[in-house]
Amino acid sequence: MDFQLSDDQRALRTGIRELLAGRFGRDRMRAALDGGTGTDRALWRELGEAGFFALRLPEAAGGVGLGLPESVLLFEEVGRSLLPGPLIATHLAAGAVKGAAQGEAVIAALDAGRPVGHLGDADGLLVLGAGYAGSGAGPGSGSGAGSGAWDAPGPADGILRDVVGIREAAEPVRSLDPFTPLWRVTGRVGAVAHLPGGALRAEGALLAAAEQLGSAARTTEMAVQHAGEREQFGSPIGSFQAVKHLCAGMLVRTELARGAVYAAAVTADRVEIAGAKLLADDAAVRNARDCLQVHGGMGFTWEADVHLHLKRAWLRSGQWLTAATAEEVLAADLC
């Protein structure tokens, strides 16, 4: 199967990369990191105007009318840029919540038994149901879901528009990623407006895999660039075999994940999505760790960006679809 991008897809990817570079380049990323600010509403609206959230809505409904493969390309660029915020949940809720498609509303994701990211900025919550039937992903499973003190959502995905009570009852918890504030929900969840299809967890997992893919590709580029610039013993460290092997391994993991993510975007098959998330998580985390190794001691400093990719990759690997659940899905498909 040929996964070469069309001219329109390349133009779409270039457009969002240029938009993010102009609005969330390194200087602004660092300013947001140091300032500890919440979701940038102005940027959120700009993304909405660019069609980011309404990408898959029909043109008759004010959307762009594109598909899941194009969404994957957009979220791959998000992963490269470290753009914070509940972008996936807002994208998935664009057709169900007023203002989400235009970037006027911020929608976070509520997953049973797991901390909620960006609850303080949320105008609504995307409540995730089981998503992967029989895989251990749903409420009450051994994956840790259903362990909270609140009523777990039913098997169907839904939208919770009134988040005031949830926010008042939530407790902030320490987050590994400085860009992703987390809250643990301890109150009761009220009635949700159920959404048809029940595939939002799978789609969210694929978009999270695309973000991981973008991060893996970016840390590969960062490692190669540093290996070509940093010198030891009178030569670039990239000329040493050990560093070459690290960079080569990063590239292999990235391209392996890319093929899986792009294939799953075409088929939308839940088993293939599980495999793509597993490979992309592995690529993002291991590439960030190897990038730290290439950078040496400076990679661990606050001034470097490498540790930010590692922390985001660690956090994202536990969202939407965990490695344990993805492995169960793949194992069950082999039986």
C-alpha atoms as a PDB file:
ATOM      1  CA  MET A   1       0.000   0.000   0.000  1.00  0.00           C
ATOM      2  CA  ASP A   2       1.311   3.441  -0.943  1.00  0.00           C
ATOM      3  CA  PHE A   3       1.332   5.902   1.938  1.00  0.00           C
ATOM      4  CA  GLN A   4       2.910   8.772   0.035  1.00  0.00           C
ATOM      5  CA  LEU A   5       1.117  12.030   0.817  1.00  0.00           C
ATOM      6  CA  SER A   6      -0.864  13.820  -1.855  1.00  0.00           C
ATOM      7  CA  ASP A   7      -0.051  17.400  -2.798  1.00  0.00           C
ATOM      8  CA  ASP A   8      -3.077  18.611  -0.826  1.00  0.00           C
ATOM      9  CA  GLN A   9      -1.994  16.675   2.241  1.00  0.00           C
ATOM     10  CA  ARG A  10       1.521  18.090   2.021  1.00  0.00           C
ATOM     11  CA  ALA A  11       0.087  21.593   1.725  1.00  0.00           C
ATOM     12  CA  LEU A  12      -2.124  20.959   4.757  1.00  0.00           C
ATOM     13  CA  ARG A  13       0.816  19.741   6.812  1.00  0.00           C
ATOM     14  CA  THR A  14       2.977  22.671   5.728  1.00  0.00           C
ATOM     15  CA  GLY A  15       0.224  25.127   6.583  1.00  0.00           C
ATOM     16  CA  ILE A  16      -0.273  23.904  10.138  1.00  0.00           C
ATOM     17  CA  ARG A  17       3.502  23.669  10.678  1.00  0.00           C
ATOM     18  CA  GLU A  18       3.911  27.288   9.614  1.00  0.00           C
ATOM     19  CA  LEU A  19       0.984  28.368  11.758  1.00  0.00           C
ATOM     20  CA  LEU A  20       2.379  26.658  14.848  1.00  0.00           C
ATOM     21  CA  ALA A  21       5.895  27.934  14.176  1.00  0.00           C
ATOM     22  CA  GLY A  22       4.581  31.492  13.946  1.00  0.00           C
ATOM     23  CA  ARG A  23       2.239  31.325  16.928  1.00  0.00           C
ATOM     24  CA  PHE A  24       3.998  28.808  19.184  1.00  0.00           C
ATOM     25  CA  GLY A  25       7.649  28.918  18.257  1.00  0.00           C
ATOM     26  CA  ARG A  26      10.355  28.234  20.800  1.00  0.00           C
ATOM     27  CA  ASP A  27      10.326  31.722  22.334  1.00  0.00           C
ATOM     28  CA  ARG A  28       6.579  31.627  22.954  1.00  0.00           C
ATOM     29  CA  MET A  29       6.754  28.039  24.088  1.00  0.00           C
ATOM     30  CA  ARG A  30       9.365  28.994  26.655  1.00  0.00           C
ATOM     31  CA  ALA A  31       7.363  32.041  27.745  1.00  0.00           C
ATOM     32  CA  ALA A  32       4.314  29.835  28.283  1.00  0.00           C
ATOM     33  CA  LEU A  33       6.434  27.343  30.207  1.00  0.00           C
ATOM     34  CA  ASP A  34       7.916  29.966  32.506  1.00  0.00           C
ATOM     35  CA  GLY A  35       4.643  31.844  32.910  1.00  0.00           C
ATOM     36  CA  GLY A  36       2.603  28.803  33.834  1.00  0.00           C
ATOM     37  CA  THR A  37      -0.365  30.158  31.914  1.00  0.00           C
ATOM     38  CA  GLY A  38      -3.428  28.166  30.933  1.00  0.00           C
ATOM     39  CA  THR A  39      -4.785  27.455  27.485  1.00  0.00           C
ATOM     40  CA  ASP A  40      -4.037  30.282  25.057  1.00  0.00           C
ATOM     41  CA  ARG A  41      -7.570  31.207  24.024  1.00  0.00           C
ATOM     42  CA  ALA A  42      -6.383  33.465  21.226  1.00  0.00           C
ATOM     43  CA  LEU A  43      -4.349  30.648  19.685  1.00  0.00           C
ATOM     44  CA  TRP A  44      -7.253  28.260  20.253  1.00  0.00           C
ATOM     45  CA  ARG A  45      -9.534  30.559  18.251  1.00  0.00           C
ATOM     46  CA  GLU A  46      -6.900  30.926  15.553  1.00  0.00           C
ATOM     47  CA  LEU A  47      -6.709  27.154  15.248  1.00  0.00           C
ATOM     48  CA  GLY A  48     -10.480  27.115  14.991  1.00  0.00           C
ATOM     49  CA  GLU A  49     -10.436  29.708  12.217  1.00  0.00           C
ATOM     50  CA  ALA A  50      -7.870  27.600  10.373  1.00  0.00           C
ATOM     51  CA  GLY A  51     -10.240  24.615  10.493  1.00  0.00           C
ATOM     52  CA  PHE A  52      -8.159  22.559  12.912  1.00  0.00           C
ATOM     53  CA  PHE A  53     -11.078  21.420  15.065  1.00  0.00           C
ATOM     54  CA  ALA A  54     -13.658  21.273  12.270  1.00  0.00           C
ATOM     55  CA  LEU A  55     -11.402  19.391   9.884  1.00  0.00           C
ATOM     56  CA  ARG A  56     -13.591  16.292   9.722  1.00  0.00           C
ATOM     57  CA  LEU A  57     -16.976  17.973   9.917  1.00  0.00           C
ATOM     58  CA  PRO A  58     -18.963  18.011   6.660  1.00  0.00           C
ATOM     59  CA  GLU A  59     -18.748  21.191   4.631  1.00  0.00           C
ATOM     60  CA  ALA A  60     -22.517  21.550   4.961  1.00  0.00           C
ATOM     61  CA  ALA A  61     -22.014  21.806   8.727  1.00  0.00           C
ATOM     62  CA  GLY A  62     -19.312  24.438   8.409  1.00  0.00           C
ATOM     63  CA  GLY A  63     -16.413  22.003   8.449  1.00  0.00           C
ATOM     64  CA  VAL A  64     -13.560  21.258   6.080  1.00  0.00           C
ATOM     65  CA  GLY A  65     -14.846  17.856   4.995  1.00  0.00           C
ATOM     66  CA  LEU A  66     -11.586  15.931   5.281  1.00  0.00           C
ATOM     67  CA  GLY A  67     -10.888  12.622   6.982  1.00  0.00           C
ATOM     68  CA  LEU A  68      -8.959  10.825   9.689  1.00  0.00           C
ATOM     69  CA  PRO A  69      -5.674  10.673   7.693  1.00  0.00           C
ATOM     70  CA  GLU A  70      -5.615  14.464   7.453  1.00  0.00           C
ATOM     71  CA  SER A  71      -6.321  14.770  11.178  1.00  0.00           C
ATOM     72  CA  VAL A  72      -3.336  12.527  11.841  1.00  0.00           C
ATOM     73  CA  LEU A  73      -1.101  14.873   9.844  1.00  0.00           C
ATOM     74  CA  LEU A  74      -2.264  17.839  11.908  1.00  0.00           C
ATOM     75  CA  PHE A  75      -1.714  16.139  15.229  1.00  0.00           C
ATOM     76  CA  GLU A  76       1.707  14.935  14.127  1.00  0.00           C
ATOM     77  CA  GLU A  77       2.656  18.603  13.807  1.00  0.00           C
ATOM     78  CA  VAL A  78       1.183  19.301  17.239  1.00  0.00           C
ATOM     79  CA  GLY A  79       3.479  16.642  18.674  1.00  0.00           C
ATOM     80  CA  ARG A  80       6.484  18.281  17.083  1.00  0.00           C
ATOM     81  CA  SER A  81       5.663  21.679  18.552  1.00  0.00           C
ATOM     82  CA  LEU A  82       4.750  20.627  22.130  1.00  0.00           C
ATOM     83  CA  LEU A  83       1.579  22.720  21.842  1.00  0.00           C
ATOM     84  CA  PRO A  84      -0.338  22.236  25.110  1.00  0.00           C
ATOM     85  CA  GLY A  85      -4.043  21.940  25.698  1.00  0.00           C
ATOM     86  CA  PRO A  86      -6.794  19.325  25.239  1.00  0.00           C
ATOM     87  CA  LEU A  87      -6.632  19.512  21.458  1.00  0.00           C
ATOM     88  CA  ILE A  88      -7.732  15.934  20.831  1.00  0.00           C
ATOM     89  CA  ALA A  89     -10.849  16.150  22.983  1.00  0.00           C
ATOM     90  CA  THR A  90     -11.859  19.478  21.446  1.00  0.00           C
ATOM     91  CA  HIS A  91     -11.291  18.094  17.947  1.00  0.00           C
ATOM     92  CA  LEU A  92     -13.423  15.032  18.680  1.00  0.00           C
ATOM     93  CA  ALA A  93     -16.200  17.107  20.256  1.00  0.00           C
ATOM     94  CA  ALA A  94     -16.301  19.693  17.461  1.00  0.00           C
ATOM     95  CA  GLY A  95     -19.569  18.389  16.064  1.00  0.00           C
ATOM     96  CA  ALA A  96     -21.302  18.026  19.429  1.00  0.00           C
ATOM     97  CA  VAL A  97     -20.434  21.138  21.447  1.00  0.00           C
ATOM     98  CA  LYS A  98     -21.331  24.630  20.362  1.00  0.00           C
ATOM     99  CA  GLY A  99     -18.232  26.717  19.742  1.00  0.00           C
ATOM    100  CA  ALA A 100     -15.760  23.816  19.793  1.00  0.00           C
ATOM    101  CA  ALA A 101     -15.344  23.735  16.020  1.00  0.00           C
ATOM    102  CA  GLN A 102     -14.585  27.472  15.969  1.00  0.00           C
ATOM    103  CA  GLY A 103     -12.121  27.286  18.845  1.00  0.00           C
ATOM    104  CA  GLU A 104     -14.450  29.224  21.135  1.00  0.00           C
ATOM    105  CA  ALA A 105     -14.865  26.302  23.547  1.00  0.00           C
ATOM    106  CA  VAL A 106     -12.187  24.159  25.201  1.00  0.00           C
ATOM    107  CA  ILE A 107     -13.178  20.533  25.789  1.00  0.00           C
ATOM    108  CA  ALA A 108     -11.151  18.261  28.076  1.00  0.00           C
ATOM    109  CA  ALA A 109     -11.327  14.467  28.307  1.00  0.00           C
ATOM    110  CA  LEU A 110     -12.689  12.631  31.342  1.00  0.00           C
ATOM    111  CA  ASP A 111     -11.534   9.014  31.563  1.00  0.00           C
ATOM    112  CA  ALA A 112     -12.697   6.820  34.438  1.00  0.00           C
ATOM    113  CA  GLY A 113     -10.221   6.624  37.298  1.00  0.00           C
ATOM    114  CA  ARG A 114      -7.569   8.783  35.618  1.00  0.00           C
ATOM    115  CA  PRO A 115      -6.611  12.424  36.229  1.00  0.00           C
ATOM    116  CA  VAL A 116      -8.193  15.016  33.967  1.00  0.00           C
ATOM    117  CA  GLY A 117      -5.870  17.356  32.096  1.00  0.00           C
ATOM    118  CA  HIS A 118      -6.660  21.055  31.680  1.00  0.00           C
ATOM    119  CA  LEU A 119      -9.844  20.870  33.745  1.00  0.00           C
ATOM    120  CA  GLY A 120      -9.322  24.463  34.884  1.00  0.00           C
ATOM    121  CA  ASP A 121      -9.680  25.733  31.317  1.00  0.00           C
ATOM    122  CA  ALA A 122     -12.454  23.389  30.194  1.00  0.00           C
ATOM    123  CA  ASP A 123     -15.867  24.581  29.032  1.00  0.00           C
ATOM    124  CA  GLY A 124     -17.053  20.986  28.749  1.00  0.00           C
ATOM    125  CA  LEU A 125     -15.889  17.403  29.150  1.00  0.00           C
ATOM    126  CA  LEU A 126     -15.722  14.543  26.701  1.00  0.00           C
ATOM    127  CA  VAL A 127     -16.634  11.539  28.868  1.00  0.00           C
ATOM    128  CA  LEU A 128     -15.044   8.373  27.533  1.00  0.00           C
ATOM    129  CA  GLY A 129     -16.854   5.062  27.625  1.00  0.00           C
ATOM    130  CA  ALA A 130     -15.320   1.625  27.225  1.00  0.00           C
ATOM    131  CA  GLY A 131     -14.078   2.155  23.685  1.00  0.00           C
ATOM    132  CA  TYR A 132     -12.366  -1.249  23.387  1.00  0.00           C
ATOM    133  CA  ALA A 133     -14.955  -3.851  24.313  1.00  0.00           C
ATOM    134  CA  GLY A 134     -13.527  -6.709  26.351  1.00  0.00           C
ATOM    135  CA  SER A 135     -10.035  -5.250  26.305  1.00  0.00           C
ATOM    136  CA  GLY A 136      -9.865  -4.037  29.874  1.00  0.00           C
ATOM    137  CA  ALA A 137     -10.159  -0.414  28.823  1.00  0.00           C
ATOM    138  CA  GLY A 138     -13.530   0.249  30.330  1.00  0.00           C
ATOM    139  CA  PRO A 139     -14.875   1.107  33.789  1.00  0.00           C
ATOM    140  CA  GLY A 140     -14.235  -1.476  36.456  1.00  0.00           C
ATOM    141  CA  SER A 141     -11.430  -3.167  34.551  1.00  0.00           C
ATOM    142  CA  GLY A 142      -8.047  -4.150  35.872  1.00  0.00           C
ATOM    143  CA  SER A 143      -6.469  -1.197  34.055  1.00  0.00           C
ATOM    144  CA  GLY A 144      -7.311   1.079  36.973  1.00  0.00           C
ATOM    145  CA  ALA A 145     -10.512   2.474  35.525  1.00  0.00           C
ATOM    146  CA  GLY A 146     -13.479   2.749  37.818  1.00  0.00           C
ATOM    147  CA  SER A 147     -11.316   3.155  40.908  1.00  0.00           C
ATOM    148  CA  GLY A 148     -12.475   6.708  41.584  1.00  0.00           C
ATOM    149  CA  ALA A 149     -15.152   7.778  44.060  1.00  0.00           C
ATOM    150  CA  TRP A 150     -17.431   9.114  41.362  1.00  0.00           C
ATOM    151  CA  ASP A 151     -19.957   7.309  39.169  1.00  0.00           C
ATOM    152  CA  ALA A 152     -18.162   5.834  36.181  1.00  0.00           C
ATOM    153  CA  PRO A 153     -19.624   6.664  32.758  1.00  0.00           C
ATOM    154  CA  GLY A 154     -21.634   4.081  30.889  1.00  0.00           C
ATOM    155  CA  PRO A 155     -20.374   2.154  27.881  1.00  0.00           C
ATOM    156  CA  ALA A 156     -21.168   4.997  25.469  1.00  0.00           C
ATOM    157  CA  ASP A 157     -19.129   8.157  24.998  1.00  0.00           C
ATOM    158  CA  GLY A 158     -20.801  11.382  26.032  1.00  0.00           C
ATOM    159  CA  ILE A 159     -20.515  15.118  26.552  1.00  0.00           C
ATOM    160  CA  LEU A 160     -20.792  16.811  29.947  1.00  0.00           C
ATOM    161  CA  ARG A 161     -21.467  20.511  29.437  1.00  0.00           C
ATOM    162  CA  ASP A 162     -21.699  21.600  33.074  1.00  0.00           C
ATOM    163  CA  VAL A 163     -18.206  21.326  34.529  1.00  0.00           C
ATOM    164  CA  VAL A 164     -18.578  23.778  37.423  1.00  0.00           C
ATOM    165  CA  GLY A 165     -19.484  21.133  39.974  1.00  0.00           C
ATOM    166  CA  ILE A 166     -16.800  18.772  38.682  1.00  0.00           C
ATOM    167  CA  ARG A 167     -14.159  21.488  38.914  1.00  0.00           C
ATOM    168  CA  GLU A 168     -15.167  22.470  42.450  1.00  0.00           C
ATOM    169  CA  ALA A 169     -14.915  18.873  43.643  1.00  0.00           C
ATOM    170  CA  ALA A 170     -11.664  18.095  41.808  1.00  0.00           C
ATOM    171  CA  GLU A 171      -8.280  18.014  43.502  1.00  0.00           C
ATOM    172  CA  PRO A 172      -5.145  19.195  41.683  1.00  0.00           C
ATOM    173  CA  VAL A 173      -2.416  16.581  41.440  1.00  0.00           C
ATOM    174  CA  ARG A 174       1.216  16.934  40.508  1.00  0.00           C
ATOM    175  CA  SER A 175       1.838  16.535  36.802  1.00  0.00           C
ATOM    176  CA  LEU A 176       4.965  15.132  35.226  1.00  0.00           C
ATOM    177  CA  ASP A 177       4.494  17.453  32.243  1.00  0.00           C
ATOM    178  CA  PRO A 178       4.731  21.158  33.195  1.00  0.00           C
ATOM    179  CA  PHE A 179       2.445  21.996  30.272  1.00  0.00           C
ATOM    180  CA  THR A 180      -0.369  19.689  31.407  1.00  0.00           C
ATOM    181  CA  PRO A 181      -2.041  20.570  34.722  1.00  0.00           C
ATOM    182  CA  LEU A 182      -3.925  17.597  36.152  1.00  0.00           C
ATOM    183  CA  TRP A 183      -6.907  17.211  38.451  1.00  0.00           C
ATOM    184  CA  ARG A 184      -8.307  14.130  40.127  1.00  0.00           C
ATOM    185  CA  VAL A 185     -12.088  14.066  40.005  1.00  0.00           C
ATOM    186  CA  THR A 186     -13.573  13.055  43.353  1.00  0.00           C
ATOM    187  CA  GLY A 187     -17.147  14.277  42.932  1.00  0.00           C
ATOM    188  CA  ARG A 188     -20.075  12.694  41.155  1.00  0.00           C
ATOM    189  CA  VAL A 189     -20.518  12.982  37.423  1.00  0.00           C
ATOM    190  CA  GLY A 190     -24.009  13.963  36.357  1.00  0.00           C
ATOM    191  CA  ALA A 191     -25.931  12.955  33.289  1.00  0.00           C
ATOM    192  CA  VAL A 192     -24.064  13.094  29.998  1.00  0.00           C
ATOM    193  CA  ALA A 193     -25.381  13.660  26.496  1.00  0.00           C
ATOM    194  CA  HIS A 194     -24.390  10.402  24.810  1.00  0.00           C
ATOM    195  CA  LEU A 195     -22.711  10.495  21.434  1.00  0.00           C
ATOM    196  CA  PRO A 196     -23.314   7.905  18.707  1.00  0.00           C
ATOM    197  CA  GLY A 197     -20.666   5.582  17.400  1.00  0.00           C
ATOM    198  CA  GLY A 198     -18.683   4.785  20.518  1.00  0.00           C
ATOM    199  CA  ALA A 199     -15.389   5.095  18.632  1.00  0.00           C
ATOM    200  CA  LEU A 200     -14.037   8.236  20.225  1.00  0.00           C
ATOM    201  CA  ARG A 201     -11.520   6.435  22.427  1.00  0.00           C
ATOM    202  CA  ALA A 202     -10.068   4.653  19.412  1.00  0.00           C
ATOM    203  CA  GLU A 203      -9.919   7.864  17.381  1.00  0.00           C
ATOM    204  CA  GLY A 204      -8.398   9.711  20.333  1.00  0.00           C
ATOM    205  CA  ALA A 205      -5.807   6.961  20.716  1.00  0.00           C
ATOM    206  CA  LEU A 206      -4.847   7.317  17.055  1.00  0.00           C
ATOM    207  CA  LEU A 207      -4.503  11.091  17.316  1.00  0.00           C
ATOM    208  CA  ALA A 208      -2.419  10.678  20.470  1.00  0.00           C
ATOM    209  CA  ALA A 209      -0.251   8.217  18.518  1.00  0.00           C
ATOM    210  CA  ALA A 210       0.150  10.880  15.837  1.00  0.00           C
ATOM    211  CA  GLU A 211       1.329  13.346  18.475  1.00  0.00           C
ATOM    212  CA  GLN A 212       3.807  10.764  19.738  1.00  0.00           C
ATOM    213  CA  LEU A 213       5.009  10.243  16.170  1.00  0.00           C
ATOM    214  CA  GLY A 214       5.599  13.976  15.758  1.00  0.00           C
ATOM    215  CA  SER A 215       7.535  14.107  19.010  1.00  0.00           C
ATOM    216  CA  ALA A 216       9.648  11.088  18.015  1.00  0.00           C
ATOM    217  CA  ALA A 217      10.498  12.705  14.685  1.00  0.00           C
ATOM    218  CA  ARG A 218      11.376  16.006  16.347  1.00  0.00           C
ATOM    219  CA  THR A 219      13.697  14.460  18.945  1.00  0.00           C
ATOM    220  CA  THR A 220      15.419  12.529  16.163  1.00  0.00           C
ATOM    221  CA  GLU A 221      16.081  15.800  14.351  1.00  0.00           C
ATOM    222  CA  MET A 222      17.304  17.409  17.573  1.00  0.00           C
ATOM    223  CA  ALA A 223      19.728  14.549  18.235  1.00  0.00           C
ATOM    224  CA  VAL A 224      21.128  14.579  14.706  1.00  0.00           C
ATOM    225  CA  GLN A 225      21.559  18.355  14.753  1.00  0.00           C
ATOM    226  CA  HIS A 226      23.360  18.304  18.093  1.00  0.00           C
ATOM    227  CA  ALA A 227      25.541  15.373  17.014  1.00  0.00           C
ATOM    228  CA  GLY A 228      26.669  17.391  13.996  1.00  0.00           C
ATOM    229  CA  GLU A 229      27.423  20.547  15.982  1.00  0.00           C
ATOM    230  CA  ARG A 230      28.911  19.272  19.236  1.00  0.00           C
ATOM    231  CA  GLU A 231      32.610  18.418  19.043  1.00  0.00           C
ATOM    232  CA  GLN A 232      34.774  16.222  21.233  1.00  0.00           C
ATOM    233  CA  PHE A 233      38.428  15.306  20.628  1.00  0.00           C
ATOM    234  CA  GLY A 234      38.407  17.606  17.619  1.00  0.00           C
ATOM    235  CA  SER A 235      35.518  15.878  15.795  1.00  0.00           C
ATOM    236  CA  PRO A 236      31.718  16.119  15.786  1.00  0.00           C
ATOM    237  CA  ILE A 237      30.305  13.553  18.188  1.00  0.00           C
ATOM    238  CA  GLY A 238      28.139  12.311  15.309  1.00  0.00           C
ATOM    239  CA  SER A 239      31.245  10.781  13.780  1.00  0.00           C
ATOM    240  CA  PHE A 240      31.516   8.320  16.677  1.00  0.00           C
ATOM    241  CA  GLN A 241      29.956   4.926  16.082  1.00  0.00           C
ATOM    242  CA  ALA A 242      28.024   4.829  19.378  1.00  0.00           C
ATOM    243  CA  VAL A 243      26.264   8.111  18.583  1.00  0.00           C
ATOM    244  CA  LYS A 244      25.567   7.002  15.017  1.00  0.00           C
ATOM    245  CA  HIS A 245      23.871   3.879  16.327  1.00  0.00           C
ATOM    246  CA  LEU A 246      21.690   5.889  18.704  1.00  0.00           C
ATOM    247  CA  CYS A 247      20.535   8.232  15.942  1.00  0.00           C
ATOM    248  CA  ALA A 248      19.962   5.366  13.503  1.00  0.00           C
ATOM    249  CA  GLY A 249      17.835   3.529  16.053  1.00  0.00           C
ATOM    250  CA  MET A 250      15.760   6.659  16.615  1.00  0.00           C
ATOM    251  CA  LEU A 251      15.085   6.975  12.893  1.00  0.00           C
ATOM    252  CA  VAL A 252      14.070   3.304  12.607  1.00  0.00           C
ATOM    253  CA  ARG A 253      11.611   3.595  15.502  1.00  0.00           C
ATOM    254  CA  THR A 254      10.133   6.787  14.057  1.00  0.00           C
ATOM    255  CA  GLU A 255       9.563   5.390  10.577  1.00  0.00           C
ATOM    256  CA  LEU A 256       8.186   2.110  11.933  1.00  0.00           C
ATOM    257  CA  ALA A 257       5.674   4.073  13.989  1.00  0.00           C
ATOM    258  CA  ARG A 258       4.899   6.317  11.020  1.00  0.00           C
ATOM    259  CA  GLY A 259       3.910   3.376   8.837  1.00  0.00           C
ATOM    260  CA  ALA A 260       1.660   1.968  11.578  1.00  0.00           C
ATOM    261  CA  VAL A 261       0.014   5.311  12.352  1.00  0.00           C
ATOM    262  CA  TYR A 262      -0.613   6.181   8.715  1.00  0.00           C
ATOM    263  CA  ALA A 263      -1.997   2.700   7.997  1.00  0.00           C
ATOM    264  CA  ALA A 264      -4.344   2.852  10.977  1.00  0.00           C
ATOM    265  CA  ALA A 265      -5.539   6.282   9.819  1.00  0.00           C
ATOM    266  CA  VAL A 266      -6.573   4.742   6.495  1.00  0.00           C
ATOM    267  CA  THR A 267      -8.273   1.628   7.890  1.00  0.00           C
ATOM    268  CA  ALA A 268      -9.588   3.103  11.187  1.00  0.00           C
ATOM    269  CA  ASP A 269      -9.362  -0.464  12.487  1.00  0.00           C
ATOM    270  CA  ARG A 270      -9.256  -0.591  16.283  1.00  0.00           C
ATOM    271  CA  VAL A 271      -6.682  -3.371  16.396  1.00  0.00           C
ATOM    272  CA  GLU A 272      -4.392  -1.483  14.026  1.00  0.00           C
ATOM    273  CA  ILE A 273      -4.917   1.674  16.078  1.00  0.00           C
ATOM    274  CA  ALA A 274      -3.868  -0.235  19.194  1.00  0.00           C
ATOM    275  CA  GLY A 275      -0.693  -1.386  17.438  1.00  0.00           C
ATOM    276  CA  ALA A 276       0.012   2.123  16.184  1.00  0.00           C
ATOM    277  CA  LYS A 277      -0.375   3.612  19.652  1.00  0.00           C
ATOM    278  CA  LEU A 278       1.930   0.972  21.115  1.00  0.00           C
ATOM    279  CA  LEU A 279       4.656   1.629  18.528  1.00  0.00           C
ATOM    280  CA  ALA A 280       4.290   5.416  18.663  1.00  0.00           C
ATOM    281  CA  ASP A 281       4.457   5.478  22.468  1.00  0.00           C
ATOM    282  CA  ASP A 282       7.614   3.400  22.349  1.00  0.00           C
ATOM    283  CA  ALA A 283       9.171   5.624  19.690  1.00  0.00           C
ATOM    284  CA  ALA A 284       8.357   8.870  21.499  1.00  0.00           C
ATOM    285  CA  VAL A 285       9.642   7.748  24.892  1.00  0.00           C
ATOM    286  CA  ARG A 286      12.747   5.884  23.730  1.00  0.00           C
ATOM    287  CA  ASN A 287      13.699   8.547  21.192  1.00  0.00           C
ATOM    288  CA  ALA A 288      13.465  11.268  23.815  1.00  0.00           C
ATOM    289  CA  ARG A 289      15.653   9.213  26.146  1.00  0.00           C
ATOM    290  CA  ASP A 290      18.224   8.598  23.405  1.00  0.00           C
ATOM    291  CA  CYS A 291      18.109  12.276  22.482  1.00  0.00           C
ATOM    292  CA  LEU A 292      18.965  13.063  26.095  1.00  0.00           C
ATOM    293  CA  GLN A 293      21.879  10.650  25.841  1.00  0.00           C
ATOM    294  CA  VAL A 294      23.184  12.349  22.697  1.00  0.00           C
ATOM    295  CA  HIS A 295      22.932  15.752  24.384  1.00  0.00           C
ATOM    296  CA  GLY A 296      24.795  14.520  27.431  1.00  0.00           C
ATOM    297  CA  GLY A 297      24.403  16.386  30.724  1.00  0.00           C
ATOM    298  CA  MET A 298      22.940  19.495  29.108  1.00  0.00           C
ATOM    299  CA  GLY A 299      19.906  17.502  27.950  1.00  0.00           C
ATOM    300  CA  PHE A 300      18.674  17.238  31.532  1.00  0.00           C
ATOM    301  CA  THR A 301      18.799  20.979  32.202  1.00  0.00           C
ATOM    302  CA  TRP A 302      15.707  23.175  32.304  1.00  0.00           C
ATOM    303  CA  GLU A 303      17.086  25.306  29.475  1.00  0.00           C
ATOM    304  CA  ALA A 304      17.083  22.375  27.054  1.00  0.00           C
ATOM    305  CA  ASP A 305      13.883  21.256  25.327  1.00  0.00           C
ATOM    306  CA  VAL A 306      14.640  17.546  25.253  1.00  0.00           C
ATOM    307  CA  HIS A 307      13.248  16.777  28.702  1.00  0.00           C
ATOM    308  CA  LEU A 308       9.964  18.460  27.752  1.00  0.00           C
ATOM    309  CA  HIS A 309       9.438  15.971  24.952  1.00  0.00           C
ATOM    310  CA  LEU A 310      10.267  13.091  27.301  1.00  0.00           C
ATOM    311  CA  LYS A 311       7.829  14.262  29.972  1.00  0.00           C
ATOM    312  CA  ARG A 312       5.033  14.821  27.468  1.00  0.00           C
ATOM    313  CA  ALA A 313       5.679  11.413  25.883  1.00  0.00           C
ATOM    314  CA  TRP A 314       5.552   9.697  29.270  1.00  0.00           C
ATOM    315  CA  LEU A 315       2.276  11.392  30.133  1.00  0.00           C
ATOM    316  CA  ARG A 316       0.683  10.837  26.733  1.00  0.00           C
ATOM    317  CA  SER A 317       1.552   7.121  26.779  1.00  0.00           C
ATOM    318  CA  GLY A 318      -0.927   6.704  29.636  1.00  0.00           C
ATOM    319  CA  GLN A 319      -3.750   8.576  27.922  1.00  0.00           C
ATOM    320  CA  TRP A 320      -6.563   7.321  25.659  1.00  0.00           C
ATOM    321  CA  LEU A 321      -5.057   3.831  25.377  1.00  0.00           C
ATOM    322  CA  THR A 322      -2.358   2.437  27.644  1.00  0.00           C
ATOM    323  CA  ALA A 323       0.319  -0.008  26.572  1.00  0.00           C
ATOM    324  CA  ALA A 324      -1.218  -2.768  28.715  1.00  0.00           C
ATOM    325  CA  THR A 325      -4.613  -2.389  27.056  1.00  0.00           C
ATOM    326  CA  ALA A 326      -3.109  -2.123  23.568  1.00  0.00           C
ATOM    327  CA  GLU A 327      -1.194  -5.337  24.166  1.00  0.00           C
ATOM    328  CA  GLU A 328      -4.397  -7.076  25.286  1.00  0.00           C
ATOM    329  CA  VAL A 329      -6.175  -5.911  22.137  1.00  0.00           C
ATOM    330  CA  LEU A 330      -3.391  -7.243  19.911  1.00  0.00           C
ATOM    331  CA  ALA A 331      -3.169 -10.525  21.823  1.00  0.00           C
ATOM    332  CA  ALA A 332      -6.921 -11.064  21.601  1.00  0.00           C
ATOM    333  CA  ASP A 333      -6.799 -10.489  17.846  1.00  0.00           C
ATOM    334  CA  LEU A 334      -4.224 -13.266  17.484  1.00  0.00           C
ATOM    335  CA  CYS A 335      -6.431 -15.827  19.234  1.00  0.00           C
END
